[in-house]
Structure formats: C-alpha cells, structure tokens
Amino acid sequence: PVSPEFRARVRASLEGATRTRVPWWSRRAVWSLAAAAAVVLVVTGFLFLQTRSENARIQASVVDAAVRSLQAGHLTDVESNDTHNVKPWFEGKLDFVPPVSDFSQQGFRLVGGRLDVVDGHNAAVLVYARRKHFINLFVWRYDKDDRGFAGSGSARGFNWIMWQPGEMRFCLVSDVAPEDLRELKRLLGE
C-alpha cells in the first residue's frame, strides 16, 4: 500500500508536468509561420488562376481568328509560297519580322501570310496547307507584363499548340490532327 503523502507528491508532480507552458515566443512563431504559409498559398492560387484565365483568353482569341480566316477573302493578305515574297511583306507592318519557312517537302506548304490581332497584340499569321486543311501560325512579340504560357488543346473543332521561345510567342491552330501540329512545331524549331 502507498501512503497518502506519497500519492499527494506524485499527483503534485504530475500536475506540475501537465501545466508546463509553451513559451510565448514559440506560440507566436507557430502562428506567424501558419499565417505566412496561408498568404503564400493564396497568392500562388491567385497567380495560377490568373495565368489560366489569360491562357484561356488567348486560346479563344486565336481560335476565333482561325475561324474568321476561313471566311472568303480572309485567309491571307499576301498569297505566295515563296518565302522571299512573304517575309518582306511583313517588314514595316509590325515591329518584328516573323520567321518564314516553307516546309513543302515535309507536307506543309506555305500559302501566305496576313496581319491579325491576338489578345490586343498585333500578330503575324503564316498560313500553311496540310492536305486539304489550313494551319494558322500566329506569331507576336512577348509583352514583359504578360505571363509565360505553353500548352495545347482543342476547342470548337480546332486543335492548338502554344509556346514561347525567347521574346516571341507562337500558336498553331487548325482542324488537322494534333500530331500534324506537333510535327509542324518540330519543323519550326520549337
């Protein structure tokens, strides 16, 4: 049997151990870290959603322009399969000259080019033919305020691939198979 005095001492010892307090600075540090983590998550989520929104807006803009291009008289402003006619046509019309290549040997014949607008940016559009389909290659200058983007998908029966090498942005849009767009992207040098 244990004496009542011994029990009282053990209880007092245990109660003292459970009453041990966490230093005030430790609790504040935990709350500060939790608050900082919450802020980081909110900001990251906001930027992610804003970038997705921008990409969706650009994707809708290029698909709309591709659809418009298929209306009579809207496909090209300069019609030629000769790069020496198409490339100089863009000079002076934009603050850049797009890379113009003909890939007829690989099944992508240059048809010509035109000017267009993508999400408020002046763009060069090179038009290629693949079998009986047209492919629009949109090229515009990267704006430092814009976020980078890349991706692919489909909308309204059109497939698209967007990418950004350096200071230029590129987007291929067509009703051809996605594999055909990826092949043209590879030929363009990504």
N, C-alpha and C. Protein backbone atom coordinates (compact mmCIF):
# COMPACT_ATOMS: atom_id res chain seq x y z
N PRO A 1 0.83 -1.20 0.00
CA PRO A 1 0.00 0.00 0.00
C PRO A 1 0.87 1.26 0.00
N VAL A 2 0.38 2.27 -0.69
CA VAL A 2 1.10 3.54 -0.83
C VAL A 2 0.49 4.54 0.14
N SER A 3 1.36 5.28 0.80
CA SER A 3 0.88 6.24 1.79
C SER A 3 0.20 7.43 1.10
N PRO A 4 -0.76 8.08 1.77
CA PRO A 4 -1.43 9.25 1.21
C PRO A 4 -0.47 10.39 0.90
N GLU A 5 0.59 10.54 1.67
CA GLU A 5 1.56 11.60 1.41
C GLU A 5 2.29 11.36 0.09
N PHE A 6 2.64 10.10 -0.15
CA PHE A 6 3.35 9.75 -1.38
C PHE A 6 2.45 10.01 -2.59
N ARG A 7 1.19 9.62 -2.47
CA ARG A 7 0.22 9.86 -3.55
C ARG A 7 0.10 11.36 -3.82
N ALA A 8 0.05 12.14 -2.82
CA ALA A 8 -0.08 13.59 -2.98
C ALA A 8 1.13 14.16 -3.70
N ARG A 9 2.33 13.68 -3.33
CA ARG A 9 3.54 14.16 -4.00
C ARG A 9 3.55 13.77 -5.48
N VAL A 10 3.15 12.53 -5.79
CA VAL A 10 3.12 12.07 -7.20
C VAL A 10 2.11 12.90 -7.99
N ARG A 11 0.92 13.11 -7.41
CA ARG A 11 -0.10 13.93 -8.08
C ARG A 11 0.40 15.34 -8.33
N ALA A 12 1.02 15.91 -7.34
CA ALA A 12 1.54 17.28 -7.47
C ALA A 12 2.61 17.32 -8.55
N SER A 13 3.43 16.30 -8.61
CA SER A 13 4.48 16.24 -9.62
C SER A 13 3.89 16.12 -11.02
N LEU A 14 2.87 15.25 -11.17
CA LEU A 14 2.21 15.09 -12.47
C LEU A 14 1.46 16.34 -12.88
N GLU A 15 0.77 16.97 -11.99
CA GLU A 15 0.05 18.20 -12.30
C GLU A 15 1.01 19.30 -12.72
N GLY A 16 2.14 19.37 -12.09
CA GLY A 16 3.15 20.36 -12.47
C GLY A 16 3.67 20.11 -13.87
N ALA A 17 3.81 18.83 -14.25
CA ALA A 17 4.31 18.48 -15.57
C ALA A 17 3.28 18.84 -16.65
N THR A 18 2.00 18.65 -16.40
CA THR A 18 0.98 18.95 -17.40
C THR A 18 0.72 20.44 -17.53
N ARG A 19 1.10 21.19 -16.51
CA ARG A 19 0.89 22.64 -16.56
C ARG A 19 2.05 23.37 -17.23
N THR A 20 3.04 22.63 -17.72
CA THR A 20 4.19 23.27 -18.34
C THR A 20 3.70 24.09 -19.52
N ARG A 21 4.09 25.31 -19.55
CA ARG A 21 3.61 26.21 -20.59
C ARG A 21 4.64 26.33 -21.72
N VAL A 22 4.09 26.50 -22.94
CA VAL A 22 4.93 26.76 -24.10
C VAL A 22 5.31 28.23 -24.03
N PRO A 23 6.57 28.55 -24.20
CA PRO A 23 6.98 29.96 -24.14
C PRO A 23 6.17 30.81 -25.13
N TRP A 24 5.88 32.06 -24.77
CA TRP A 24 5.07 32.93 -25.61
C TRP A 24 5.67 33.10 -27.00
N TRP A 25 6.99 33.14 -27.10
CA TRP A 25 7.62 33.35 -28.40
C TRP A 25 7.44 32.13 -29.29
N SER A 26 7.32 30.96 -28.73
CA SER A 26 7.13 29.75 -29.53
C SER A 26 5.74 29.74 -30.15
N ARG A 27 4.71 30.11 -29.40
CA ARG A 27 3.35 30.16 -29.93
C ARG A 27 3.24 31.22 -31.03
N ARG A 28 3.87 32.35 -30.81
CA ARG A 28 3.83 33.43 -31.82
C ARG A 28 4.52 32.97 -33.11
N ALA A 29 5.62 32.26 -32.98
CA ALA A 29 6.33 31.79 -34.16
C ALA A 29 5.48 30.80 -34.96
N VAL A 30 4.78 29.91 -34.27
CA VAL A 30 3.92 28.95 -34.95
C VAL A 30 2.81 29.67 -35.70
N TRP A 31 2.17 30.65 -35.06
CA TRP A 31 1.10 31.39 -35.71
C TRP A 31 1.64 32.23 -36.88
N SER A 32 2.81 32.79 -36.72
CA SER A 32 3.41 33.58 -37.81
C SER A 32 3.71 32.70 -39.01
N LEU A 33 4.26 31.53 -38.77
CA LEU A 33 4.55 30.60 -39.87
C LEU A 33 3.26 30.14 -40.54
N ALA A 34 2.24 29.86 -39.76
CA ALA A 34 0.96 29.45 -40.33
C ALA A 34 0.36 30.58 -41.19
N ALA A 35 0.43 31.80 -40.71
CA ALA A 35 -0.10 32.94 -41.45
C ALA A 35 0.69 33.15 -42.75
N ALA A 36 2.01 33.04 -42.67
CA ALA A 36 2.85 33.20 -43.87
C ALA A 36 2.53 32.11 -44.90
N ALA A 37 2.36 30.89 -44.44
CA ALA A 37 2.02 29.78 -45.35
C ALA A 37 0.67 30.04 -46.01
N ALA A 38 -0.29 30.54 -45.26
CA ALA A 38 -1.61 30.84 -45.83
C ALA A 38 -1.52 31.93 -46.89
N VAL A 39 -0.72 32.96 -46.63
CA VAL A 39 -0.55 34.04 -47.61
C VAL A 39 0.10 33.50 -48.89
N VAL A 40 1.12 32.68 -48.74
CA VAL A 40 1.79 32.09 -49.91
C VAL A 40 0.80 31.25 -50.72
N LEU A 41 -0.01 30.45 -50.07
CA LEU A 41 -1.00 29.63 -50.77
C LEU A 41 -2.03 30.47 -51.51
N VAL A 42 -2.50 31.53 -50.88
CA VAL A 42 -3.50 32.40 -51.51
C VAL A 42 -2.89 33.10 -52.73
N VAL A 43 -1.70 33.65 -52.60
CA VAL A 43 -1.05 34.35 -53.72
C VAL A 43 -0.76 33.39 -54.86
N THR A 44 -0.23 32.22 -54.54
CA THR A 44 0.07 31.23 -55.58
C THR A 44 -1.21 30.82 -56.30
N GLY A 45 -2.27 30.58 -55.56
CA GLY A 45 -3.54 30.22 -56.17
C GLY A 45 -4.07 31.32 -57.07
N PHE A 46 -3.97 32.56 -56.62
CA PHE A 46 -4.43 33.69 -57.42
C PHE A 46 -3.64 33.79 -58.73
N LEU A 47 -2.32 33.69 -58.66
CA LEU A 47 -1.50 33.78 -59.86
C LEU A 47 -1.77 32.62 -60.81
N PHE A 48 -1.98 31.43 -60.27
CA PHE A 48 -2.30 30.26 -61.09
C PHE A 48 -3.61 30.49 -61.84
N LEU A 49 -4.64 30.94 -61.13
CA LEU A 49 -5.93 31.17 -61.77
C LEU A 49 -5.87 32.31 -62.78
N GLN A 50 -5.09 33.34 -62.48
CA GLN A 50 -4.95 34.45 -63.41
C GLN A 50 -4.24 34.00 -64.68
N THR A 51 -3.19 33.18 -64.55
CA THR A 51 -2.47 32.67 -65.71
C THR A 51 -3.38 31.76 -66.54
N ARG A 52 -4.15 30.90 -65.87
CA ARG A 52 -5.09 30.04 -66.60
C ARG A 52 -6.11 30.88 -67.34
N SER A 53 -6.58 31.95 -66.72
CA SER A 53 -7.55 32.82 -67.35
C SER A 53 -6.94 33.50 -68.58
N GLU A 54 -5.70 33.96 -68.45
CA GLU A 54 -5.02 34.60 -69.58
C GLU A 54 -4.83 33.61 -70.71
N ASN A 55 -4.40 32.39 -70.40
CA ASN A 55 -4.21 31.36 -71.43
C ASN A 55 -5.53 31.04 -72.12
N ALA A 56 -6.61 30.95 -71.37
CA ALA A 56 -7.92 30.67 -71.95
C ALA A 56 -8.36 31.81 -72.87
N ARG A 57 -8.09 33.04 -72.47
CA ARG A 57 -8.44 34.21 -73.29
C ARG A 57 -7.65 34.21 -74.59
N ILE A 58 -6.35 33.91 -74.52
CA ILE A 58 -5.51 33.87 -75.72
C ILE A 58 -5.95 32.73 -76.62
N GLN A 59 -6.22 31.57 -76.03
CA GLN A 59 -6.66 30.41 -76.81
C GLN A 59 -7.96 30.74 -77.54
N ALA A 60 -8.90 31.37 -76.86
CA ALA A 60 -10.16 31.75 -77.51
C ALA A 60 -9.92 32.76 -78.62
N SER A 61 -9.00 33.68 -78.41
CA SER A 61 -8.69 34.71 -79.42
C SER A 61 -8.12 34.09 -80.69
N VAL A 62 -7.18 33.15 -80.56
CA VAL A 62 -6.58 32.55 -81.76
C VAL A 62 -7.55 31.62 -82.47
N VAL A 63 -8.38 30.90 -81.73
CA VAL A 63 -9.37 30.04 -82.38
C VAL A 63 -10.38 30.90 -83.14
N ASP A 64 -10.84 31.99 -82.53
CA ASP A 64 -11.75 32.90 -83.22
C ASP A 64 -11.12 33.45 -84.50
N ALA A 65 -9.86 33.85 -84.43
CA ALA A 65 -9.16 34.38 -85.61
C ALA A 65 -9.01 33.31 -86.68
N ALA A 66 -8.75 32.07 -86.28
CA ALA A 66 -8.63 30.98 -87.26
C ALA A 66 -9.97 30.73 -87.95
N VAL A 67 -11.04 30.78 -87.19
CA VAL A 67 -12.38 30.61 -87.78
C VAL A 67 -12.66 31.74 -88.77
N ARG A 68 -12.37 32.98 -88.37
CA ARG A 68 -12.58 34.13 -89.27
C ARG A 68 -11.76 33.99 -90.54
N SER A 69 -10.55 33.44 -90.42
CA SER A 69 -9.67 33.34 -91.59
C SER A 69 -10.26 32.43 -92.67
N LEU A 70 -11.13 31.52 -92.28
CA LEU A 70 -11.72 30.59 -93.25
C LEU A 70 -12.88 31.21 -94.02
N GLN A 71 -13.30 32.41 -93.64
CA GLN A 71 -14.31 33.11 -94.43
C GLN A 71 -13.68 33.60 -95.71
N ALA A 72 -14.46 33.71 -96.74
CA ALA A 72 -13.94 34.10 -98.05
C ALA A 72 -13.15 35.40 -97.97
N GLY A 73 -11.94 35.40 -98.50
CA GLY A 73 -11.11 36.59 -98.58
C GLY A 73 -10.35 36.96 -97.32
N HIS A 74 -10.38 36.13 -96.28
CA HIS A 74 -9.72 36.46 -95.03
C HIS A 74 -8.50 35.60 -94.72
N LEU A 75 -8.19 34.63 -95.57
CA LEU A 75 -7.12 33.69 -95.24
C LEU A 75 -5.75 34.35 -95.29
N THR A 76 -5.48 35.12 -96.34
CA THR A 76 -4.15 35.75 -96.48
C THR A 76 -4.29 37.18 -96.98
N ASP A 77 -3.31 38.01 -96.60
CA ASP A 77 -3.16 39.35 -97.16
C ASP A 77 -2.14 39.30 -98.29
N VAL A 78 -1.17 38.43 -98.15
CA VAL A 78 -0.19 38.18 -99.20
C VAL A 78 -0.22 36.68 -99.48
N GLU A 79 -0.53 36.35 -100.72
CA GLU A 79 -0.65 34.94 -101.10
C GLU A 79 0.57 34.54 -101.92
N SER A 80 1.39 33.67 -101.34
CA SER A 80 2.60 33.21 -102.03
C SER A 80 3.19 32.05 -101.26
N ASN A 81 3.78 31.11 -101.98
CA ASN A 81 4.51 30.02 -101.33
C ASN A 81 6.01 30.30 -101.34
N ASP A 82 6.38 31.49 -101.76
CA ASP A 82 7.78 31.90 -101.82
C ASP A 82 8.12 32.72 -100.56
N THR A 83 9.02 32.20 -99.75
CA THR A 83 9.40 32.90 -98.52
C THR A 83 9.97 34.28 -98.82
N HIS A 84 10.57 34.46 -100.00
CA HIS A 84 11.16 35.74 -100.37
C HIS A 84 10.09 36.78 -100.74
N ASN A 85 8.85 36.37 -100.88
CA ASN A 85 7.75 37.31 -101.07
C ASN A 85 7.02 37.56 -99.75
N VAL A 86 6.86 36.52 -98.95
CA VAL A 86 6.07 36.63 -97.72
C VAL A 86 6.83 37.39 -96.63
N LYS A 87 8.08 37.01 -96.40
CA LYS A 87 8.84 37.64 -95.31
C LYS A 87 8.96 39.15 -95.49
N PRO A 88 9.38 39.64 -96.67
CA PRO A 88 9.48 41.10 -96.83
C PRO A 88 8.14 41.83 -96.73
N TRP A 89 7.04 41.13 -97.03
CA TRP A 89 5.73 41.76 -96.93
C TRP A 89 5.45 42.22 -95.51
N PHE A 90 5.93 41.50 -94.50
CA PHE A 90 5.70 41.86 -93.10
C PHE A 90 6.55 43.05 -92.65
N GLU A 91 7.68 43.30 -93.32
CA GLU A 91 8.58 44.38 -92.91
C GLU A 91 7.85 45.72 -92.95
N GLY A 92 7.97 46.47 -91.87
CA GLY A 92 7.35 47.78 -91.77
C GLY A 92 5.90 47.75 -91.30
N LYS A 93 5.28 46.58 -91.30
CA LYS A 93 3.90 46.46 -90.85
C LYS A 93 3.83 46.08 -89.37
N LEU A 94 4.89 45.50 -88.85
CA LEU A 94 4.99 45.09 -87.45
C LEU A 94 6.35 45.55 -86.93
N ASP A 95 6.53 45.51 -85.62
CA ASP A 95 7.83 45.87 -85.05
C ASP A 95 8.77 44.65 -84.96
N PHE A 96 8.44 43.61 -85.71
CA PHE A 96 9.28 42.42 -85.82
C PHE A 96 8.97 41.76 -87.15
N VAL A 97 9.83 40.88 -87.57
CA VAL A 97 9.59 40.10 -88.78
C VAL A 97 9.55 38.63 -88.35
N PRO A 98 8.45 37.95 -88.63
CA PRO A 98 8.34 36.56 -88.19
C PRO A 98 9.27 35.65 -89.00
N PRO A 99 9.65 34.54 -88.42
CA PRO A 99 10.44 33.57 -89.18
C PRO A 99 9.54 32.91 -90.22
N VAL A 100 9.91 33.00 -91.48
CA VAL A 100 9.09 32.46 -92.56
C VAL A 100 9.85 31.32 -93.22
N SER A 101 9.24 30.15 -93.23
CA SER A 101 9.84 28.97 -93.86
C SER A 101 8.78 28.22 -94.64
N ASP A 102 9.22 27.53 -95.67
CA ASP A 102 8.32 26.67 -96.43
C ASP A 102 8.74 25.23 -96.17
N PHE A 103 7.80 24.42 -95.77
CA PHE A 103 8.08 23.01 -95.47
C PHE A 103 7.31 22.12 -96.44
N SER A 104 7.27 22.51 -97.72
CA SER A 104 6.54 21.73 -98.72
C SER A 104 7.06 20.31 -98.81
N GLN A 105 8.37 20.15 -98.72
CA GLN A 105 8.97 18.81 -98.79
C GLN A 105 8.47 17.91 -97.67
N GLN A 106 8.09 18.49 -96.53
CA GLN A 106 7.62 17.72 -95.38
C GLN A 106 6.08 17.68 -95.30
N GLY A 107 5.42 18.23 -96.33
CA GLY A 107 3.96 18.16 -96.37
C GLY A 107 3.23 19.37 -95.79
N PHE A 108 3.98 20.46 -95.53
CA PHE A 108 3.38 21.69 -95.02
C PHE A 108 3.74 22.83 -95.98
N ARG A 109 2.87 23.08 -96.96
CA ARG A 109 3.13 24.08 -97.99
C ARG A 109 2.76 25.47 -97.49
N LEU A 110 3.68 26.42 -97.64
CA LEU A 110 3.41 27.81 -97.29
C LEU A 110 2.39 28.37 -98.28
N VAL A 111 1.32 28.96 -97.76
CA VAL A 111 0.27 29.53 -98.60
C VAL A 111 0.40 31.05 -98.66
N GLY A 112 0.83 31.66 -97.54
CA GLY A 112 0.97 33.11 -97.49
C GLY A 112 0.93 33.60 -96.06
N GLY A 113 0.56 34.88 -95.90
CA GLY A 113 0.52 35.45 -94.57
C GLY A 113 -0.49 36.58 -94.49
N ARG A 114 -0.76 37.00 -93.28
CA ARG A 114 -1.67 38.12 -93.04
C ARG A 114 -1.35 38.74 -91.69
N LEU A 115 -1.95 39.89 -91.45
CA LEU A 115 -1.88 40.53 -90.14
C LEU A 115 -3.14 40.22 -89.37
N ASP A 116 -3.02 40.10 -88.06
CA ASP A 116 -4.17 39.84 -87.22
C ASP A 116 -3.88 40.42 -85.84
N VAL A 117 -4.81 40.28 -84.93
CA VAL A 117 -4.66 40.74 -83.56
C VAL A 117 -4.97 39.57 -82.63
N VAL A 118 -4.08 39.32 -81.67
CA VAL A 118 -4.27 38.26 -80.68
C VAL A 118 -4.23 38.89 -79.30
N ASP A 119 -5.35 38.87 -78.62
CA ASP A 119 -5.43 39.38 -77.25
C ASP A 119 -4.86 40.80 -77.14
N GLY A 120 -5.17 41.63 -78.12
CA GLY A 120 -4.71 43.01 -78.11
C GLY A 120 -3.31 43.24 -78.66
N HIS A 121 -2.65 42.19 -79.14
CA HIS A 121 -1.29 42.30 -79.69
C HIS A 121 -1.34 42.14 -81.21
N ASN A 122 -0.63 43.00 -81.93
CA ASN A 122 -0.51 42.82 -83.37
C ASN A 122 0.28 41.54 -83.63
N ALA A 123 -0.23 40.74 -84.56
CA ALA A 123 0.39 39.44 -84.81
C ALA A 123 0.57 39.21 -86.30
N ALA A 124 1.63 38.51 -86.63
CA ALA A 124 1.82 37.98 -87.97
C ALA A 124 1.19 36.60 -87.99
N VAL A 125 0.56 36.26 -89.09
CA VAL A 125 0.00 34.92 -89.24
C VAL A 125 0.54 34.34 -90.53
N LEU A 126 1.23 33.22 -90.39
CA LEU A 126 1.69 32.47 -91.55
C LEU A 126 0.69 31.34 -91.77
N VAL A 127 0.32 31.13 -93.02
CA VAL A 127 -0.69 30.12 -93.33
C VAL A 127 -0.02 28.99 -94.10
N TYR A 128 -0.22 27.79 -93.59
CA TYR A 128 0.31 26.58 -94.23
C TYR A 128 -0.85 25.69 -94.64
N ALA A 129 -0.64 24.88 -95.68
CA ALA A 129 -1.64 23.90 -96.10
C ALA A 129 -1.11 22.51 -95.81
N ARG A 130 -1.97 21.69 -95.26
CA ARG A 130 -1.65 20.28 -94.98
C ARG A 130 -2.80 19.48 -95.57
N ARG A 131 -2.51 18.74 -96.64
CA ARG A 131 -3.56 18.06 -97.40
C ARG A 131 -4.61 19.11 -97.79
N LYS A 132 -5.85 18.98 -97.37
CA LYS A 132 -6.88 19.97 -97.75
C LYS A 132 -7.24 20.89 -96.59
N HIS A 133 -6.34 21.02 -95.63
CA HIS A 133 -6.60 21.83 -94.43
C HIS A 133 -5.60 22.98 -94.36
N PHE A 134 -6.03 24.05 -93.71
CA PHE A 134 -5.14 25.19 -93.48
C PHE A 134 -4.72 25.22 -92.02
N ILE A 135 -3.46 25.62 -91.81
CA ILE A 135 -2.90 25.78 -90.47
C ILE A 135 -2.47 27.22 -90.32
N ASN A 136 -2.95 27.89 -89.28
CA ASN A 136 -2.56 29.26 -88.98
C ASN A 136 -1.46 29.24 -87.93
N LEU A 137 -0.34 29.86 -88.24
CA LEU A 137 0.74 30.04 -87.26
C LEU A 137 0.73 31.51 -86.84
N PHE A 138 0.27 31.77 -85.63
CA PHE A 138 0.24 33.13 -85.09
C PHE A 138 1.57 33.41 -84.40
N VAL A 139 2.15 34.57 -84.69
CA VAL A 139 3.42 34.97 -84.08
C VAL A 139 3.26 36.41 -83.60
N TRP A 140 3.57 36.64 -82.32
CA TRP A 140 3.53 38.00 -81.80
C TRP A 140 4.61 38.17 -80.76
N ARG A 141 4.94 39.42 -80.52
CA ARG A 141 6.03 39.75 -79.59
C ARG A 141 5.56 39.55 -78.15
N TYR A 142 6.45 38.99 -77.36
CA TYR A 142 6.21 38.77 -75.93
C TYR A 142 6.18 40.11 -75.23
N ASP A 143 5.12 40.37 -74.47
CA ASP A 143 5.00 41.58 -73.68
C ASP A 143 5.50 41.27 -72.27
N LYS A 144 6.40 42.07 -71.75
CA LYS A 144 7.01 41.80 -70.44
C LYS A 144 5.99 41.73 -69.31
N ASP A 145 4.81 42.35 -69.49
CA ASP A 145 3.77 42.29 -68.46
C ASP A 145 2.96 41.00 -68.53
N ASP A 146 3.07 40.28 -69.65
CA ASP A 146 2.33 39.03 -69.80
C ASP A 146 3.05 37.91 -69.07
N ARG A 147 2.30 36.88 -68.73
CA ARG A 147 2.90 35.69 -68.13
C ARG A 147 3.25 34.73 -69.25
N GLY A 148 4.26 33.94 -69.02
CA GLY A 148 4.62 32.92 -70.00
C GLY A 148 3.53 31.86 -70.08
N PHE A 149 3.49 31.19 -71.19
CA PHE A 149 2.49 30.14 -71.32
C PHE A 149 2.98 29.11 -72.30
N ALA A 150 2.41 27.98 -72.21
CA ALA A 150 2.62 26.89 -73.16
C ALA A 150 1.47 25.93 -72.94
N GLY A 151 1.12 25.23 -73.97
CA GLY A 151 0.06 24.26 -73.81
C GLY A 151 -0.54 23.87 -75.14
N SER A 152 -1.49 23.00 -75.06
CA SER A 152 -2.19 22.55 -76.26
C SER A 152 -3.58 22.12 -75.84
N GLY A 153 -4.44 21.99 -76.83
CA GLY A 153 -5.79 21.56 -76.55
C GLY A 153 -6.65 21.65 -77.79
N SER A 154 -7.93 21.61 -77.58
CA SER A 154 -8.85 21.73 -78.70
C SER A 154 -10.08 22.52 -78.25
N ALA A 155 -10.68 23.21 -79.19
CA ALA A 155 -11.89 23.99 -78.92
C ALA A 155 -12.64 24.18 -80.23
N ARG A 156 -13.91 23.94 -80.18
CA ARG A 156 -14.79 24.18 -81.34
C ARG A 156 -14.31 23.48 -82.61
N GLY A 157 -13.74 22.29 -82.48
CA GLY A 157 -13.29 21.53 -83.64
C GLY A 157 -11.90 21.88 -84.12
N PHE A 158 -11.20 22.77 -83.42
CA PHE A 158 -9.85 23.16 -83.79
C PHE A 158 -8.87 22.71 -82.72
N ASN A 159 -7.70 22.27 -83.16
CA ASN A 159 -6.62 21.92 -82.24
C ASN A 159 -5.64 23.08 -82.23
N TRP A 160 -4.96 23.28 -81.11
CA TRP A 160 -4.00 24.38 -80.98
C TRP A 160 -2.83 23.94 -80.12
N ILE A 161 -1.68 24.55 -80.41
CA ILE A 161 -0.47 24.39 -79.61
C ILE A 161 0.13 25.78 -79.43
N MET A 162 0.41 26.16 -78.19
CA MET A 162 1.03 27.47 -77.91
C MET A 162 2.37 27.24 -77.23
N TRP A 163 3.36 28.07 -77.58
CA TRP A 163 4.65 28.02 -76.91
C TRP A 163 5.34 29.36 -77.04
N GLN A 164 6.39 29.54 -76.26
CA GLN A 164 7.06 30.83 -76.19
C GLN A 164 8.57 30.64 -76.12
N PRO A 165 9.24 30.63 -77.26
CA PRO A 165 10.70 30.59 -77.23
C PRO A 165 11.27 32.02 -77.25
N GLY A 166 11.92 32.41 -76.22
CA GLY A 166 12.53 33.74 -76.18
C GLY A 166 11.51 34.85 -76.13
N GLU A 167 11.69 35.85 -77.01
CA GLU A 167 10.85 37.05 -76.98
C GLU A 167 9.61 36.96 -77.85
N MET A 168 9.40 35.84 -78.50
CA MET A 168 8.25 35.70 -79.39
C MET A 168 7.31 34.63 -78.86
N ARG A 169 6.05 34.80 -79.17
CA ARG A 169 5.04 33.79 -78.84
C ARG A 169 4.51 33.20 -80.13
N PHE A 170 4.23 31.90 -80.08
CA PHE A 170 3.76 31.18 -81.25
C PHE A 170 2.52 30.37 -80.88
N CYS A 171 1.60 30.26 -81.84
CA CYS A 171 0.43 29.42 -81.64
C CYS A 171 0.00 28.86 -82.99
N LEU A 172 -0.04 27.54 -83.10
CA LEU A 172 -0.55 26.85 -84.28
C LEU A 172 -2.01 26.50 -84.03
N VAL A 173 -2.88 26.78 -85.01
CA VAL A 173 -4.31 26.48 -84.88
C VAL A 173 -4.80 25.89 -86.19
N SER A 174 -5.51 24.77 -86.09
CA SER A 174 -6.07 24.15 -87.29
C SER A 174 -7.04 23.05 -86.91
N ASP A 175 -7.75 22.54 -87.92
CA ASP A 175 -8.60 21.38 -87.70
C ASP A 175 -7.88 20.09 -88.10
N VAL A 176 -6.57 20.17 -88.35
CA VAL A 176 -5.80 18.95 -88.60
C VAL A 176 -5.59 18.21 -87.28
N ALA A 177 -5.10 16.99 -87.38
CA ALA A 177 -4.85 16.19 -86.19
C ALA A 177 -3.74 16.82 -85.34
N PRO A 178 -3.81 16.63 -84.02
CA PRO A 178 -2.77 17.19 -83.14
C PRO A 178 -1.36 16.74 -83.52
N GLU A 179 -1.22 15.53 -84.05
CA GLU A 179 0.11 15.04 -84.46
C GLU A 179 0.69 15.91 -85.57
N ASP A 180 -0.17 16.37 -86.50
CA ASP A 180 0.29 17.24 -87.57
C ASP A 180 0.79 18.57 -87.02
N LEU A 181 0.07 19.12 -86.03
CA LEU A 181 0.52 20.38 -85.41
C LEU A 181 1.86 20.18 -84.70
N ARG A 182 1.99 19.06 -84.00
CA ARG A 182 3.27 18.79 -83.30
C ARG A 182 4.41 18.64 -84.29
N GLU A 183 4.14 18.03 -85.45
CA GLU A 183 5.18 17.88 -86.47
C GLU A 183 5.59 19.24 -87.03
N LEU A 184 4.63 20.11 -87.31
CA LEU A 184 4.97 21.46 -87.80
C LEU A 184 5.73 22.24 -86.73
N LYS A 185 5.33 22.11 -85.50
CA LYS A 185 6.04 22.78 -84.40
C LYS A 185 7.49 22.32 -84.37
N ARG A 186 7.69 21.02 -84.53
CA ARG A 186 9.07 20.46 -84.53
C ARG A 186 9.87 21.05 -85.70
N LEU A 187 9.24 21.15 -86.88
CA LEU A 187 9.93 21.70 -88.05
C LEU A 187 10.28 23.19 -87.84
N LEU A 188 9.42 23.90 -87.13
CA LEU A 188 9.66 25.32 -86.87
C LEU A 188 10.80 25.53 -85.89
N GLY A 189 11.25 24.46 -85.24
CA GLY A 189 12.37 24.56 -84.33
C GLY A 189 11.96 24.83 -82.90
N GLU A 190 10.68 24.69 -82.62
CA GLU A 190 10.13 24.89 -81.27
C GLU A 190 10.73 26.10 -80.65
